[in-house]
Amino acid sequence: MNGLNLLSATEAVRQLADRKITAVQLLDACLERIAAREPVVGAWMQLDITAARARAQALDAGPVQGLLHGLPLGVKDLMDTADLPTGYGSPIYAGHRPAWDAAAVAMARAAGAVVVGKTVTTEFATFFPGKTANPHNPGHTPGGSSSGSAAAVADFMVPFAFGTQTAGSIIRPAAFCGAVGYKPSFGTASRVGVKALCDTLDTVGALARTVADAALLVAAVSGRRDLLLERPLDRAPRVGLCRTYEWKHVQPATEAAFERARAQLGTAGVKLKDVDLPPQFAGLVQAQTDIMGYELAQSLAYERLTHHAQLSPRLQQMIADGMAVTPERYAAAIALARGCRRALPQVFTDVDVLLAPSAAGEAPAGLAATGDPLFNRIWTLLHTPCVHLPFTTGPQGLPVGLQAIGNVGADRETLAAAEWLLARLRG
């Protein structure tokens, strides 16, 4: 094994552009890692080694193609691919072969990425798990729904992978696996060709090992070159420490990470401020739950009506609960979300980013569930950019961190602050 799989995406793409390494060499290092670890981790639904190697060879033989030239990429199996089956985490779609690539996948290929295969997703990106285990301890969940993407990246199988988030499906698996997770502002990357769950919530993002790598992938597929972190932040960001209204559910591991962040960032000269969210934000978790249930019950109408027996009992119950949400209750939840989005700028009056819990604590034991997205629901509903920062471990030796959250649309500023903060938190 040549160790090239340990390179960050940003370092690897520089070496690829300078022809110091080849795309085939980088791919082979990733494939060796996959061969060694996949029996334990179970991050992949499909691999296409022949096509990936042919793609890498073609890239080596031609000019530098784009921002992702020669970089191996994992694609969440919620996203359509023309050359690989797309099962959406459900037996209903076993062997399903779309005739197209999802827009984000097509853009990644156009930018020079080498698609290695499809990573495991939970059932329709909800809560029924796939086969993936936590790479740090296979007796613990990797989180969901971007389970395979988070595990593959954290285990050095690929430098980055696509994730999607409707409640906590990027940030929570990033937290449990110790990866960087970036959920952009709602609508930053196209969702065309991604199996829809909730039209007002679904967001395409990235799992990576550095903030710059996550920014690179989203920049390439969204056309947002301003997201690239080419220069470090030249000043300490102003940080709001935000416990949220869900703080009572925090476990000691996350509480310790919160206090460690306060101490280390204070020592680093960061201007810290405790931030309390406005009172109306206390209802956002329930609002997100209602909106998600109502919309997924509609989005999965075909599956419910035609293949109900092939849905997991958990998803059957989620659909039933969603159908019980009245249009009036749904409208009230939408109205609350809009009102809180309008009030959000006041939260950022004196701070550049918030630091808040990504998860209650370390990854729970067992593979029958993927953990609770409680600490992610409000930020997904508010459409804010979120970046998980892995920087410590809990009492079981599993990863723990916090998420940096910015105002809606302030992705560049949020990413730059997140990169600066992670360097100090790991320091």
Protein backbone atom coordinates (compact mmCIF):
# COMPACT_ATOMS: atom_id res chain seq x y z
CA MET A 1 0.00 0.00 0.00
CA ASN A 2 1.54 3.31 -1.10
CA GLY A 3 -0.20 5.48 1.49
CA LEU A 4 -1.64 7.90 -1.06
CA ASN A 5 -5.13 7.20 0.32
CA LEU A 6 -4.05 9.15 3.42
CA LEU A 7 -3.69 12.37 1.41
CA SER A 8 -6.33 15.05 1.75
CA ALA A 9 -8.26 15.78 -1.42
CA THR A 10 -6.77 19.26 -1.70
CA GLU A 11 -3.20 17.94 -1.39
CA ALA A 12 -3.87 15.01 -3.74
CA VAL A 13 -5.38 17.21 -6.44
CA ARG A 14 -2.33 19.49 -6.30
CA GLN A 15 0.00 16.54 -6.75
CA LEU A 16 -2.18 15.17 -9.54
CA ALA A 17 -2.13 18.52 -11.35
CA ASP A 18 1.66 18.67 -11.03
CA ARG A 19 1.89 15.04 -12.24
CA LYS A 20 3.76 14.06 -9.07
CA ILE A 21 1.30 11.22 -8.66
CA THR A 22 -1.13 9.59 -11.07
CA ALA A 23 -4.85 9.07 -10.75
CA VAL A 24 -4.26 5.33 -11.12
CA GLN A 25 -1.82 5.32 -8.20
CA LEU A 26 -4.23 7.21 -6.00
CA LEU A 27 -7.14 5.00 -6.99
CA ASP A 28 -5.15 1.83 -6.37
CA ALA A 29 -4.26 3.02 -2.86
CA CYS A 30 -7.94 3.61 -2.12
CA LEU A 31 -8.93 0.25 -3.58
CA GLU A 32 -6.31 -1.53 -1.47
CA ARG A 33 -7.73 0.13 1.63
CA ILE A 34 -11.26 -0.84 0.61
CA ALA A 35 -10.21 -4.45 0.05
CA ALA A 36 -8.57 -4.57 3.47
CA ARG A 37 -11.32 -2.89 5.47
CA GLU A 38 -14.63 -3.34 3.66
CA PRO A 39 -15.36 -6.75 5.28
CA VAL A 40 -15.33 -4.97 8.65
CA VAL A 41 -16.80 -1.56 7.79
CA GLY A 42 -19.32 -2.40 5.04
CA ALA A 43 -19.37 1.10 3.57
CA TRP A 44 -20.14 0.18 -0.04
CA MET A 45 -23.22 -1.09 -1.86
CA GLN A 46 -21.53 -1.27 -5.26
CA LEU A 47 -17.97 -0.91 -6.54
CA ASP A 48 -17.00 -0.65 -10.20
CA ILE A 49 -13.26 -1.12 -10.13
CA THR A 50 -12.90 -1.70 -13.87
CA ALA A 51 -14.73 1.51 -14.82
CA ALA A 52 -12.95 3.52 -12.13
CA ARG A 53 -9.52 2.35 -13.30
CA ALA A 54 -10.39 3.09 -16.93
CA ARG A 55 -11.50 6.57 -15.92
CA ALA A 56 -8.29 7.15 -13.95
CA GLN A 57 -6.17 5.98 -16.88
CA ALA A 58 -7.99 8.34 -19.23
CA LEU A 59 -7.43 11.26 -16.86
CA ASP A 60 -3.72 10.45 -16.60
CA ALA A 61 -3.45 10.42 -20.38
CA GLY A 62 -5.12 13.82 -20.89
CA PRO A 63 -4.99 17.39 -19.60
CA VAL A 64 -6.11 18.38 -16.11
CA GLN A 65 -9.89 18.28 -16.35
CA GLY A 66 -11.18 20.36 -13.45
CA LEU A 67 -11.27 21.03 -9.73
CA LEU A 68 -11.60 17.32 -8.87
CA HIS A 69 -9.15 15.94 -11.44
CA GLY A 70 -8.32 12.32 -10.57
CA LEU A 71 -9.90 12.31 -7.09
CA PRO A 72 -11.72 9.10 -6.03
CA LEU A 73 -15.28 9.80 -4.93
CA GLY A 74 -18.00 7.89 -3.12
CA VAL A 75 -21.60 8.50 -4.19
CA LYS A 76 -24.39 7.98 -1.68
CA ASP A 77 -26.81 5.34 -2.94
CA LEU A 78 -29.64 7.84 -2.75
CA MET A 79 -28.22 9.59 -5.84
CA ASP A 80 -28.89 8.30 -9.34
CA THR A 81 -26.00 6.99 -11.43
CA ALA A 82 -26.22 5.90 -15.05
CA ASP A 83 -23.46 3.31 -14.74
CA LEU A 84 -24.21 1.80 -11.34
CA PRO A 85 -27.36 0.45 -9.66
CA THR A 86 -29.17 2.86 -7.37
CA GLY A 87 -31.18 1.19 -4.64
CA TYR A 88 -32.09 4.08 -2.29
CA GLY A 89 -31.45 1.74 0.64
CA SER A 90 -34.61 -0.27 -0.10
CA PRO A 91 -35.29 -3.78 -1.43
CA ILE A 92 -37.99 -2.24 -3.58
CA TYR A 93 -35.27 -0.86 -5.86
CA ALA A 94 -32.84 -3.79 -5.87
CA GLY A 95 -31.04 -3.73 -9.22
CA HIS A 96 -32.64 -0.45 -10.27
CA ARG A 97 -30.66 1.18 -13.10
CA PRO A 98 -31.39 4.85 -13.74
CA ALA A 99 -30.73 6.16 -17.25
CA TRP A 100 -28.99 9.26 -15.91
CA ASP A 101 -26.66 10.70 -13.32
CA ALA A 102 -27.92 12.97 -10.58
CA ALA A 103 -26.90 16.54 -11.40
CA ALA A 104 -24.30 16.65 -8.63
CA VAL A 105 -22.76 13.38 -9.80
CA ALA A 106 -22.63 14.61 -13.39
CA MET A 107 -20.96 17.83 -12.26
CA ALA A 108 -18.42 15.90 -10.19
CA ARG A 109 -17.51 13.72 -13.16
CA ALA A 110 -17.22 16.79 -15.37
CA ALA A 111 -14.81 18.28 -12.82
CA GLY A 112 -12.59 15.21 -13.07
CA ALA A 113 -13.76 12.98 -10.21
CA VAL A 114 -13.36 9.20 -10.38
CA VAL A 115 -16.53 7.55 -9.07
CA VAL A 116 -15.41 4.48 -7.14
CA GLY A 117 -18.88 3.22 -6.28
CA LYS A 118 -22.09 3.72 -4.30
CA THR A 119 -21.97 4.10 -0.53
CA VAL A 120 -24.56 2.66 1.82
CA THR A 121 -27.58 4.76 2.72
CA THR A 122 -30.31 3.97 5.19
CA GLU A 123 -33.76 3.13 3.81
CA PHE A 124 -34.79 6.17 1.71
CA ALA A 125 -32.43 8.23 3.88
CA THR A 126 -34.59 7.69 6.98
CA PHE A 127 -33.71 5.58 10.03
CA PHE A 128 -33.65 1.89 9.08
CA PRO A 129 -29.91 1.11 8.83
CA GLY A 130 -27.87 -0.58 6.16
CA LYS A 131 -24.89 -2.86 6.71
CA THR A 132 -22.31 -0.21 7.63
CA ALA A 133 -20.44 -0.30 10.95
CA ASN A 134 -18.49 2.43 12.70
CA PRO A 135 -14.86 2.23 11.50
CA HIS A 136 -13.56 3.06 14.99
CA ASN A 137 -15.53 0.26 16.62
CA PRO A 138 -17.68 -2.02 14.45
CA GLY A 139 -19.96 -2.70 17.40
CA HIS A 140 -21.24 0.88 17.20
CA THR A 141 -23.40 2.67 14.66
CA PRO A 142 -21.83 4.94 12.04
CA GLY A 143 -24.93 7.13 12.15
CA GLY A 144 -27.19 7.79 9.21
CA SER A 145 -28.40 8.26 6.66
CA SER A 146 -25.06 8.95 4.92
CA SER A 147 -23.63 5.95 6.76
CA GLY A 148 -21.38 4.52 4.08
CA SER A 149 -20.05 7.89 2.97
CA ALA A 150 -19.02 8.90 6.49
CA ALA A 151 -17.46 5.52 7.26
CA ALA A 152 -15.59 5.28 3.94
CA VAL A 153 -14.09 8.74 4.33
CA ALA A 154 -13.20 8.33 8.00
CA ASP A 155 -11.54 4.98 7.23
CA PHE A 156 -9.37 6.46 4.43
CA MET A 157 -11.10 4.53 1.65
CA VAL A 158 -11.77 7.71 -0.38
CA PRO A 159 -10.90 11.35 0.30
CA PHE A 160 -14.51 12.49 0.13
CA ALA A 161 -18.04 11.37 -0.62
CA PHE A 162 -21.50 12.79 -1.16
CA GLY A 163 -24.01 12.97 1.66
CA THR A 164 -27.53 14.32 1.93
CA GLN A 165 -29.36 15.74 4.94
CA THR A 166 -33.05 16.07 5.72
CA ALA A 167 -32.77 15.96 9.52
CA GLY A 168 -29.20 15.06 10.53
CA SER A 169 -27.92 12.75 7.82
CA ILE A 170 -24.59 14.47 7.12
CA ILE A 171 -23.66 15.99 10.47
CA ARG A 172 -24.61 13.04 12.69
CA PRO A 173 -22.64 10.33 10.81
CA ALA A 174 -19.74 12.76 10.50
CA ALA A 175 -19.85 13.16 14.28
CA PHE A 176 -20.06 9.43 14.98
CA CYS A 177 -17.31 8.50 12.51
CA GLY A 178 -14.98 11.43 13.17
CA ALA A 179 -15.22 12.98 9.71
CA VAL A 180 -15.82 16.55 8.61
CA GLY A 181 -19.40 16.96 7.42
CA TYR A 182 -20.58 19.98 5.45
CA LYS A 183 -24.30 20.63 5.01
CA PRO A 184 -24.48 23.71 2.78
CA SER A 185 -27.19 26.33 2.85
CA PHE A 186 -30.38 24.88 1.42
CA GLY A 187 -30.30 24.78 -2.38
CA THR A 188 -26.56 25.31 -2.83
CA ALA A 189 -26.09 22.06 -4.77
CA SER A 190 -28.73 20.68 -7.12
CA ARG A 191 -30.98 17.89 -5.81
CA VAL A 192 -32.07 16.77 -9.29
CA GLY A 193 -31.61 13.01 -9.52
CA VAL A 194 -31.59 12.50 -5.74
CA LYS A 195 -34.46 10.43 -4.38
CA ALA A 196 -36.73 13.05 -2.84
CA LEU A 197 -37.86 12.80 0.75
CA CYS A 198 -38.76 16.34 1.82
CA ASP A 199 -38.83 19.15 -0.70
CA THR A 200 -38.29 21.94 1.83
CA LEU A 201 -35.45 20.19 3.69
CA ASP A 202 -33.37 17.85 1.49
CA THR A 203 -29.82 19.16 1.05
CA VAL A 204 -26.84 17.74 -0.85
CA GLY A 205 -23.47 18.07 0.89
CA ALA A 206 -20.14 16.40 1.55
CA LEU A 207 -18.25 14.13 3.92
CA ALA A 208 -14.47 14.63 4.00
CA ARG A 209 -11.48 14.61 6.34
CA THR A 210 -10.73 18.34 6.15
CA VAL A 211 -12.94 21.40 5.86
CA ALA A 212 -11.14 22.44 2.67
CA ASP A 213 -11.87 19.04 1.10
CA ALA A 214 -15.59 19.28 1.86
CA ALA A 215 -15.62 22.82 0.46
CA LEU A 216 -13.82 21.63 -2.68
CA LEU A 217 -16.43 19.00 -3.51
CA VAL A 218 -19.40 21.32 -3.00
CA ALA A 219 -17.68 24.13 -4.90
CA ALA A 220 -17.11 21.83 -7.87
CA VAL A 221 -20.68 20.56 -8.09
CA SER A 222 -22.40 23.88 -7.38
CA GLY A 223 -20.25 26.20 -9.50
CA ARG A 224 -19.52 28.18 -6.32
CA ARG A 225 -15.76 28.71 -6.65
CA ASP A 226 -16.00 31.27 -3.85
CA LEU A 227 -16.35 28.33 -1.46
CA LEU A 228 -12.77 27.19 -2.12
CA LEU A 229 -10.56 27.71 0.92
CA GLU A 230 -7.43 28.86 -0.87
CA ARG A 231 -6.26 31.27 1.83
CA PRO A 232 -6.55 30.90 5.61
CA LEU A 233 -8.70 33.28 7.58
CA ASP A 234 -6.59 36.28 8.60
CA ARG A 235 -8.35 36.92 11.91
CA ALA A 236 -9.96 34.95 14.68
CA PRO A 237 -13.67 34.46 14.04
CA ARG A 238 -16.20 35.67 16.58
CA VAL A 239 -17.88 32.61 18.06
CA GLY A 240 -21.22 32.17 19.75
CA LEU A 241 -21.48 29.18 22.08
CA CYS A 242 -25.02 27.92 21.59
CA ARG A 243 -26.37 25.14 23.78
CA THR A 244 -29.79 25.19 22.01
CA TYR A 245 -33.09 24.31 23.67
CA GLU A 246 -32.18 20.62 23.44
CA TRP A 247 -29.16 20.88 25.76
CA LYS A 248 -30.78 18.76 28.48
CA HIS A 249 -30.27 15.74 26.22
CA VAL A 250 -26.50 16.25 25.94
CA GLN A 251 -24.29 13.47 27.29
CA PRO A 252 -21.07 14.09 29.25
CA ALA A 253 -18.85 13.51 26.19
CA THR A 254 -20.41 16.39 24.26
CA GLU A 255 -20.57 18.60 27.35
CA ALA A 256 -16.84 18.02 27.84
CA ALA A 257 -16.18 18.87 24.18
CA PHE A 258 -18.15 22.08 24.61
CA GLU A 259 -16.12 23.14 27.63
CA ARG A 260 -12.86 22.11 25.95
CA ALA A 261 -13.77 24.30 22.99
CA ARG A 262 -14.49 27.22 25.30
CA ALA A 263 -11.11 26.85 27.00
CA GLN A 264 -8.99 26.24 23.91
CA LEU A 265 -10.58 28.93 21.77
CA GLY A 266 -10.41 31.42 24.60
CA THR A 267 -6.70 30.72 24.91
CA ALA A 268 -6.35 31.19 21.14
CA GLY A 269 -7.77 34.70 21.41
CA VAL A 270 -11.24 34.00 20.05
CA LYS A 271 -13.97 36.40 21.12
CA LEU A 272 -16.52 34.06 22.70
CA LYS A 273 -20.12 34.82 23.56
CA ASP A 274 -22.85 32.64 25.00
CA VAL A 275 -25.81 32.81 22.63
CA ASP A 276 -29.38 32.00 23.59
CA LEU A 277 -31.75 31.42 20.71
CA PRO A 278 -34.96 33.49 20.59
CA PRO A 279 -37.94 31.94 22.43
CA GLN A 280 -39.84 30.98 19.27
CA PHE A 281 -36.92 28.71 18.25
CA ALA A 282 -37.93 26.33 21.06
CA GLY A 283 -40.65 24.96 18.77
CA LEU A 284 -38.40 24.22 15.79
CA VAL A 285 -37.62 20.58 16.59
CA GLN A 286 -41.32 19.71 16.59
CA ALA A 287 -41.87 21.85 13.49
CA GLN A 288 -39.11 20.02 11.62
CA THR A 289 -40.51 16.68 12.71
CA ASP A 290 -43.99 17.62 11.49
CA ILE A 291 -42.73 18.98 8.16
CA MET A 292 -40.51 15.98 7.54
CA GLY A 293 -43.29 13.53 8.35
CA TYR A 294 -45.90 15.32 6.25
CA GLU A 295 -43.63 15.65 3.22
CA LEU A 296 -42.11 12.16 3.30
CA ALA A 297 -45.60 10.61 3.50
CA GLN A 298 -46.35 12.37 0.21
CA SER A 299 -42.97 11.75 -1.41
CA LEU A 300 -43.15 8.01 -0.72
CA ALA A 301 -46.76 7.65 -1.87
CA TYR A 302 -45.88 5.19 -4.64
CA GLU A 303 -43.84 2.99 -2.32
CA ARG A 304 -46.54 3.10 0.36
CA LEU A 305 -49.35 2.26 -2.04
CA THR A 306 -47.55 -0.31 -4.16
CA HIS A 307 -44.84 -1.90 -2.00
CA HIS A 308 -45.99 -1.31 1.57
CA ALA A 309 -44.90 -4.76 2.78
CA GLN A 310 -41.33 -4.07 1.64
CA LEU A 311 -41.03 -0.97 3.80
CA SER A 312 -39.47 -1.42 7.24
CA PRO A 313 -41.86 -1.24 10.20
CA ARG A 314 -40.06 1.94 11.31
CA LEU A 315 -40.70 3.64 7.98
CA GLN A 316 -44.28 2.39 7.88
CA GLN A 317 -44.81 4.09 11.23
CA MET A 318 -43.09 7.28 10.08
CA ILE A 319 -45.40 7.43 7.08
CA ALA A 320 -48.45 6.81 9.26
CA ASP A 321 -47.33 9.55 11.64
CA GLY A 322 -46.75 11.89 8.69
CA MET A 323 -50.21 11.21 7.32
CA ALA A 324 -51.61 12.16 10.72
CA VAL A 325 -50.12 15.66 10.44
CA THR A 326 -52.99 17.85 9.26
CA PRO A 327 -52.51 20.47 6.54
CA GLU A 328 -53.16 23.12 9.18
CA ARG A 329 -50.44 21.75 11.46
CA TYR A 330 -48.06 21.55 8.51
CA ALA A 331 -48.83 25.15 7.53
CA ALA A 332 -48.20 26.29 11.10
CA ALA A 333 -44.83 24.52 11.13
CA ILE A 334 -43.88 26.12 7.81
CA ALA A 335 -44.92 29.53 9.13
CA LEU A 336 -42.84 29.09 12.30
CA ALA A 337 -39.81 28.10 10.23
CA ARG A 338 -40.17 31.15 8.00
CA GLY A 339 -40.53 33.43 10.98
CA CYS A 340 -37.44 31.99 12.65
CA ARG A 341 -35.43 32.34 9.42
CA ARG A 342 -36.39 36.01 9.36
CA ALA A 343 -35.23 36.35 12.98
CA LEU A 344 -32.00 34.43 12.41
CA PRO A 345 -29.78 37.41 11.44
CA GLN A 346 -30.23 38.86 14.93
CA VAL A 347 -28.64 35.69 16.35
CA PHE A 348 -25.50 36.51 14.36
CA THR A 349 -25.38 40.20 15.29
CA ASP A 350 -22.09 39.93 17.21
CA VAL A 351 -20.79 36.54 16.04
CA ASP A 352 -19.59 35.02 12.77
CA VAL A 353 -20.53 31.43 13.61
CA LEU A 354 -22.21 29.45 16.34
CA LEU A 355 -20.74 26.35 17.92
CA ALA A 356 -23.41 23.86 18.94
CA PRO A 357 -23.68 20.10 19.59
CA SER A 358 -23.62 17.83 16.54
CA ALA A 359 -24.93 14.84 18.48
CA ALA A 360 -25.81 13.97 22.05
CA GLY A 361 -22.54 12.11 22.53
CA GLU A 362 -20.49 9.26 21.11
CA ALA A 363 -21.93 6.79 18.61
CA PRO A 364 -24.36 4.46 20.41
CA ALA A 365 -23.58 0.75 20.63
CA GLY A 366 -25.34 -1.58 18.23
CA LEU A 367 -26.18 -1.50 14.54
CA ALA A 368 -29.97 -1.72 14.75
CA ALA A 369 -30.40 2.08 14.87
CA THR A 370 -28.46 5.12 13.67
CA GLY A 371 -28.80 7.52 16.60
CA ASP A 372 -30.93 10.59 17.15
CA PRO A 373 -30.81 13.67 14.85
CA LEU A 374 -32.18 15.86 17.64
CA PHE A 375 -29.30 18.35 17.53
CA ASN A 376 -29.47 18.74 13.75
CA ARG A 377 -33.16 19.18 13.07
CA ILE A 378 -33.45 22.92 13.75
CA TRP A 379 -30.44 23.88 11.62
CA THR A 380 -31.68 21.84 8.66
CA LEU A 381 -35.07 23.51 8.99
CA LEU A 382 -33.46 26.95 9.20
CA HIS A 383 -31.49 26.20 5.98
CA THR A 384 -28.18 27.23 7.57
CA PRO A 385 -24.71 26.03 6.54
CA CYS A 386 -23.31 23.57 9.10
CA VAL A 387 -19.83 22.05 9.39
CA HIS A 388 -19.05 19.26 11.83
CA LEU A 389 -15.65 19.65 13.50
CA PRO A 390 -14.20 16.40 14.89
CA PHE A 391 -11.55 17.18 17.49
CA THR A 392 -11.75 14.91 20.52
CA THR A 393 -12.92 11.53 21.77
CA GLY A 394 -15.29 10.40 24.48
CA PRO A 395 -14.88 7.88 27.31
CA GLN A 396 -15.39 4.95 24.91
CA GLY A 397 -12.64 6.22 22.60
CA LEU A 398 -15.10 7.20 19.88
CA PRO A 399 -15.06 10.55 18.05
CA VAL A 400 -16.78 13.63 19.45
CA GLY A 401 -16.96 17.18 18.13
CA LEU A 402 -19.19 20.19 17.60
CA GLN A 403 -20.76 21.86 14.59
CA ALA A 404 -20.04 25.35 13.33
CA ILE A 405 -23.19 27.04 12.03
CA GLY A 406 -23.44 30.18 9.93
CA ASN A 407 -26.22 32.43 8.73
CA VAL A 408 -28.15 31.32 5.66
CA GLY A 409 -26.06 31.94 2.55
CA ALA A 410 -22.88 32.68 4.49
CA ASP A 411 -21.25 29.42 3.43
CA ARG A 412 -17.87 30.89 2.49
CA GLU A 413 -17.55 32.66 5.81
CA THR A 414 -18.74 29.60 7.73
CA LEU A 415 -16.28 27.27 6.01
CA ALA A 416 -13.36 29.66 6.56
CA ALA A 417 -14.24 30.01 10.25
CA ALA A 418 -14.71 26.25 10.60
CA GLU A 419 -11.27 25.56 9.13
CA TRP A 420 -9.67 28.12 11.46
CA LEU A 421 -11.47 26.77 14.51
CA LEU A 422 -10.75 23.11 13.78
CA ALA A 423 -7.01 23.82 13.53
CA ARG A 424 -7.08 25.39 17.02
CA LEU A 425 -9.37 22.78 18.53
CA ARG A 426 -7.09 20.00 17.35
CA GLY A 427 -4.00 21.98 18.30
